[in-house]
Amino acid sequence: MTTRSMSRQNEATMTDPSLGLPTISMAVPMPGFPAHKEFVLVRLNDDGLLYALTSIDDPELRFLVAPPEPFFPEYAPEIDESVFAALNTHDPDRALLLTIITVNEDETTANLLAPIVVDRDSMRAMQAILVGSGYPVRAILNRAF
């Protein structure tokens, strides 16, 4: 298996106001949501830390997502080359990561085991499962937002 380590260049893209509401097309549907392939990324706070990945076909289907860098500065997963191939990514350094956030009464967690990888040029994405990485599904966020 060939992998690439993801760099931490994602934050600037997520906070770029010229993006508006970018449409993200899932190259491979997210597990459990095979009918939902088109999403918009809606900024939820001024800091650019939280977004709603909202289904175009069903706006009630939303995932709270965030770039991992502000919360997990050491997070640098190895992404399998097959993910980049599925996205038709020509430059893996142009990919950005989003983690799915879960908010509960007691804690807020991020799924570091299965980040969403987005090609910033084509805006195609897929959720990558990092099998054998040791990353948790529920990592407690390190920073208040």
Foldseek 3Di string as FASTA:
>chain_A
DAWDWADDPAQVVLLPVVCPWPKAAELQDAPPCRPFGIWTWAQDDNSSAWTWGAGPVDRVDTFIKGFCCVFCVVQTDIADVVQCVSVVPPDLNQKGWIWTWDDDPVFIFTQSQWIWIARNVVSYIYTGGNPPPPGHGGHTTRDDD
